[in-house]
Protein backbone atom coordinates (compact mmCIF):
# COMPACT_ATOMS: atom_id res chain seq x y z
CA MET A 1 21.57 113.69 124.86
CA SER A 2 23.09 115.65 127.72
CA SER A 3 20.68 118.52 127.02
CA TRP A 4 17.80 116.18 127.87
CA LYS A 5 19.23 114.66 131.05
CA HIS A 6 17.42 117.19 133.23
CA GLU A 7 14.10 115.91 131.84
CA PHE A 8 14.74 112.45 133.32
CA PRO A 9 15.84 112.80 136.96
CA GLN A 10 16.15 109.07 137.56
CA ALA A 11 17.32 107.50 140.78
CA TYR A 12 21.05 107.63 141.45
CA ALA A 13 23.04 105.04 139.49
CA MET A 14 19.97 103.92 137.50
CA ARG A 15 20.27 103.51 133.74
CA TYR A 16 16.75 102.83 132.47
CA LEU A 17 16.89 101.15 129.07
CA ASN A 18 13.39 99.69 128.60
CA HIS A 19 11.94 102.76 126.87
CA ALA A 20 9.88 100.70 124.42
CA ALA A 21 7.63 99.52 127.24
CA VAL A 22 6.77 101.42 130.44
CA ALA A 23 9.37 104.16 130.54
CA PRO A 24 9.96 107.01 133.01
CA TRP A 25 8.06 110.17 132.16
CA PRO A 26 9.98 113.33 131.29
CA LYS A 27 9.58 116.10 133.85
CA ARG A 28 7.42 118.20 131.53
CA ALA A 29 4.93 115.34 131.11
CA ALA A 30 4.68 114.84 134.87
CA GLN A 31 4.21 118.58 135.34
CA ALA A 32 1.44 118.74 132.71
CA VAL A 33 -0.45 115.84 134.30
CA THR A 34 -0.07 117.38 137.77
CA GLU A 35 -1.37 120.74 136.59
CA PHE A 36 -4.33 119.16 134.79
CA ALA A 37 -5.25 117.09 137.85
CA ALA A 38 -5.12 120.17 140.08
CA GLU A 39 -7.27 122.16 137.65
CA ASN A 40 -9.81 119.35 137.40
CA CYS A 41 -10.02 119.05 141.20
CA GLN A 42 -10.82 122.75 141.52
CA TYR A 43 -12.95 123.45 138.45
CA GLY A 44 -14.14 120.15 137.03
CA ALA A 45 -14.97 120.50 133.32
CA ARG A 46 -15.45 124.26 133.41
CA ASN A 47 -12.41 124.81 131.21
CA TYR A 48 -13.35 122.13 128.68
CA PRO A 49 -13.17 124.56 125.72
CA THR A 50 -9.57 125.31 126.67
CA TRP A 51 -8.80 121.60 126.69
CA LEU A 52 -10.10 121.33 123.14
CA VAL A 53 -7.78 124.15 122.06
CA LEU A 54 -4.81 122.32 123.61
CA GLU A 55 -5.85 119.10 121.91
CA GLN A 56 -5.98 120.79 118.51
CA ARG A 57 -2.59 122.36 119.15
CA LEU A 58 -1.19 118.89 119.82
CA ARG A 59 -2.73 117.58 116.59
CA ASP A 60 -1.21 120.48 114.65
CA ARG A 61 2.23 119.80 116.09
CA LEU A 62 1.99 116.08 115.34
CA THR A 63 0.93 116.93 111.80
CA ARG A 64 4.15 118.90 111.30
CA LEU A 65 6.26 116.27 113.07
CA LEU A 66 4.94 113.43 110.92
CA ASN A 67 4.51 115.47 107.71
CA ALA A 68 0.89 114.30 107.63
CA PRO A 69 -1.49 115.86 105.09
CA ALA A 70 -3.72 117.46 107.73
CA SER A 71 -4.41 117.48 111.47
CA SER A 72 -7.63 115.59 110.75
CA ASP A 73 -5.43 112.62 109.82
CA ILE A 74 -4.17 112.46 113.42
CA ALA A 75 -6.04 110.26 115.89
CA LEU A 76 -5.00 110.40 119.53
CA VAL A 77 -5.24 107.03 121.25
CA LYS A 78 -4.07 105.56 124.55
CA ASN A 79 -1.39 103.14 123.37
CA THR A 80 -0.14 100.87 120.62
CA SER A 81 -2.51 98.03 121.49
CA GLU A 82 -5.60 100.22 121.27
CA ALA A 83 -4.51 101.77 117.97
CA LEU A 84 -3.76 98.37 116.45
CA SER A 85 -7.19 97.12 117.49
CA PHE A 86 -8.79 100.09 115.69
CA VAL A 87 -6.93 99.11 112.54
CA ALA A 88 -7.56 95.38 112.82
CA PHE A 89 -11.28 95.61 113.51
CA GLY A 90 -11.89 98.62 111.30
CA LEU A 91 -11.18 96.90 108.01
CA ASP A 92 -13.69 95.03 105.89
CA TRP A 93 -11.94 91.67 105.94
CA GLN A 94 -12.75 88.92 103.48
CA SER A 95 -12.23 85.22 104.13
CA GLY A 96 -8.86 84.28 102.71
CA ASP A 97 -7.20 87.65 103.34
CA GLN A 98 -3.68 87.46 104.75
CA VAL A 99 -1.72 89.61 107.20
CA VAL A 100 2.07 89.36 106.98
CA ILE A 101 4.08 89.81 110.19
CA SER A 102 7.50 88.69 111.39
CA ASP A 103 8.12 85.90 113.88
CA GLU A 104 9.90 88.40 116.16
CA GLU A 105 6.98 90.74 116.83
CA PHE A 106 5.97 92.04 120.23
CA PRO A 107 2.73 90.28 121.28
CA SER A 108 0.68 93.46 120.75
CA ASN A 109 1.46 93.32 117.05
CA ARG A 110 0.73 89.61 116.76
CA VAL A 111 -2.25 88.71 118.96
CA VAL A 112 -4.50 91.39 117.47
CA TRP A 113 -4.10 89.91 113.98
CA GLU A 114 -4.53 86.34 115.22
CA ALA A 115 -7.89 87.44 116.67
CA LEU A 116 -9.12 87.91 113.08
CA ALA A 117 -9.13 84.16 112.47
CA ARG A 118 -12.90 84.06 112.99
CA PHE A 119 -13.25 86.21 109.88
CA GLY A 120 -11.17 83.77 107.86
CA VAL A 121 -8.04 85.95 108.00
CA GLU A 122 -4.72 84.11 107.93
CA VAL A 123 -1.63 85.43 109.72
CA VAL A 124 1.61 84.68 107.88
CA GLU A 125 4.63 84.77 110.20
CA VAL A 126 7.88 85.34 108.36
CA SER A 127 11.27 84.31 109.66
CA LEU A 128 13.49 87.34 109.06
CA GLY A 129 16.74 85.37 108.78
CA GLU A 130 19.72 86.94 107.05
CA THR A 131 17.64 88.86 104.49
CA PRO A 132 14.66 90.35 106.38
CA GLU A 133 13.41 92.68 103.67
CA ALA A 134 13.53 90.07 100.93
CA ASN A 135 11.85 87.47 103.13
CA LEU A 136 9.01 89.82 104.09
CA LEU A 137 8.37 90.89 100.52
CA ALA A 138 8.54 87.31 99.27
CA ALA A 139 5.72 86.43 101.68
CA CYS A 140 3.38 88.99 100.11
CA GLY A 141 1.08 87.48 97.53
CA PRO A 142 -2.29 88.12 95.86
CA ARG A 143 -4.15 87.47 99.13
CA THR A 144 -2.00 89.78 101.24
CA ARG A 145 -4.25 92.53 102.59
CA LEU A 146 -1.87 94.10 105.07
CA MET A 147 1.70 93.92 106.33
CA ALA A 148 2.24 94.76 110.01
CA ILE A 149 5.86 95.29 110.97
CA SER A 150 7.28 97.08 113.99
CA ALA A 151 9.87 99.73 113.26
CA VAL A 152 12.20 97.93 115.65
CA GLN A 153 11.78 94.19 116.14
CA TYR A 154 11.11 93.06 119.70
CA ALA A 155 13.20 89.88 119.62
CA SER A 156 16.29 90.99 117.70
CA ALA A 157 16.22 94.83 117.60
CA TRP A 158 16.36 94.67 113.79
CA THR A 159 15.39 98.08 112.49
CA CYS A 160 12.98 98.18 109.59
CA PRO A 161 14.45 100.45 106.89
CA ARG A 162 12.53 102.58 104.42
CA TRP A 163 12.08 99.67 102.07
CA ALA A 164 8.30 100.03 102.03
CA ARG A 165 8.56 101.85 98.68
CA ALA A 166 8.86 98.36 97.20
CA ALA A 167 6.06 96.83 99.28
CA ARG A 168 3.26 94.90 97.65
CA PRO A 169 0.43 94.71 100.22
CA ARG A 170 -2.61 96.97 99.86
CA ALA A 171 -1.97 98.38 103.33
CA TYR A 172 0.97 98.74 105.63
CA CYS A 173 0.83 99.07 109.40
CA SER A 174 3.87 100.01 111.42
CA ALA A 175 3.90 99.80 115.20
CA SER A 176 6.76 102.07 116.14
CA MET A 177 7.92 102.78 119.65
CA PRO A 178 11.39 104.30 119.37
CA SER A 179 11.32 105.96 115.96
CA SER A 180 9.45 108.58 113.99
CA SER A 181 9.72 109.10 110.24
CA TRP A 182 7.76 109.49 107.03
CA ALA A 183 8.69 107.86 103.75
CA PRO A 184 7.10 108.21 100.30
CA CYS A 185 6.03 104.91 98.81
CA PRO A 186 3.86 103.77 95.89
CA SER A 187 0.76 101.86 96.97
CA MET A 188 -0.87 99.02 95.11
CA SER A 189 -4.20 100.78 95.40
CA ARG A 190 -2.84 103.88 93.71
CA PRO A 191 -0.93 104.43 90.46
CA ALA A 192 2.79 103.79 90.93
CA THR A 193 3.59 107.30 89.74
CA ALA A 194 1.74 108.85 92.68
CA PRO A 195 3.69 108.86 95.96
CA SER A 196 1.97 107.55 99.08
CA PRO A 197 3.12 108.41 102.61
CA TRP A 198 4.04 105.32 104.62
CA PRO A 199 4.58 106.40 108.18
CA THR A 200 6.18 105.23 111.33
CA ALA A 201 5.25 107.53 114.15
CA THR A 202 4.91 108.14 117.85
CA SER A 203 2.07 109.30 120.10
CA GLY A 204 -0.77 108.86 117.64
CA CYS A 205 -2.50 106.85 115.00
CA TRP A 206 -2.42 108.00 111.37
CA VAL A 207 -5.26 106.71 109.20
CA ARG A 208 -6.15 107.42 105.59
CA LYS A 209 -8.66 105.80 103.24
CA ALA A 210 -7.37 103.93 100.24
CA TRP A 211 -7.08 105.60 96.88
CA GLY A 212 -9.77 104.43 94.51
CA SER A 213 -10.93 101.48 96.62
CA SER A 214 -12.85 100.61 99.78
CA THR A 215 -9.83 98.98 101.40
CA ALA A 216 -7.67 100.69 103.97
CA ALA A 217 -4.54 102.55 102.99
CA PRO A 218 -1.30 102.92 104.94
CA ILE A 219 -2.00 103.15 108.64
CA CYS A 220 0.35 103.90 111.47
CA ALA A 221 -0.44 102.73 114.99
CA SER A 222 1.99 103.54 117.75
CA SER A 223 2.47 104.24 121.37
């Protein structure tokens, strides 16, 4: 971590720990925003083609970071809340569908699913208890359309392991602030012998259509 200290020149004696919310920018991010603002002040949108090149470069790098199939699977969004809303209101919900979440979720990963009540969607809040994985999986039934679990739980800091390979819902949504990983997992909408990537990620939203159905497949929404 010492090699990164120069990127975060915080005030003397400050130890900023709330990095899952509004965290200090690294120096390189502040520099990039400053340079873009200065360029825009002088030239407006004249260099728009160059911006598109930079955007594609970012998508390519995120593709490698997340081990995504292609850069076209990467969607750049403003924050976790916006990405989750794309997922929640982009699915073809049926009355009686269920969304499984934990009772320790950050509001962003709870309120958006509760807003689907007008479509007849039921939110099932699971108490993690002493056996979080077992309790979450036990809550998944025939009506479970999606499981939405943060990589790190807001209330307890419980870290969701790579247990999704045993998951039963037709789609899995992970809101992940502090972690980034990619795990193979069989999906219910695909033969069990075919691996399916189940991501937790940062700085993007990974979306992929379901295999052999009109329902959504694993989706990652993150800040």
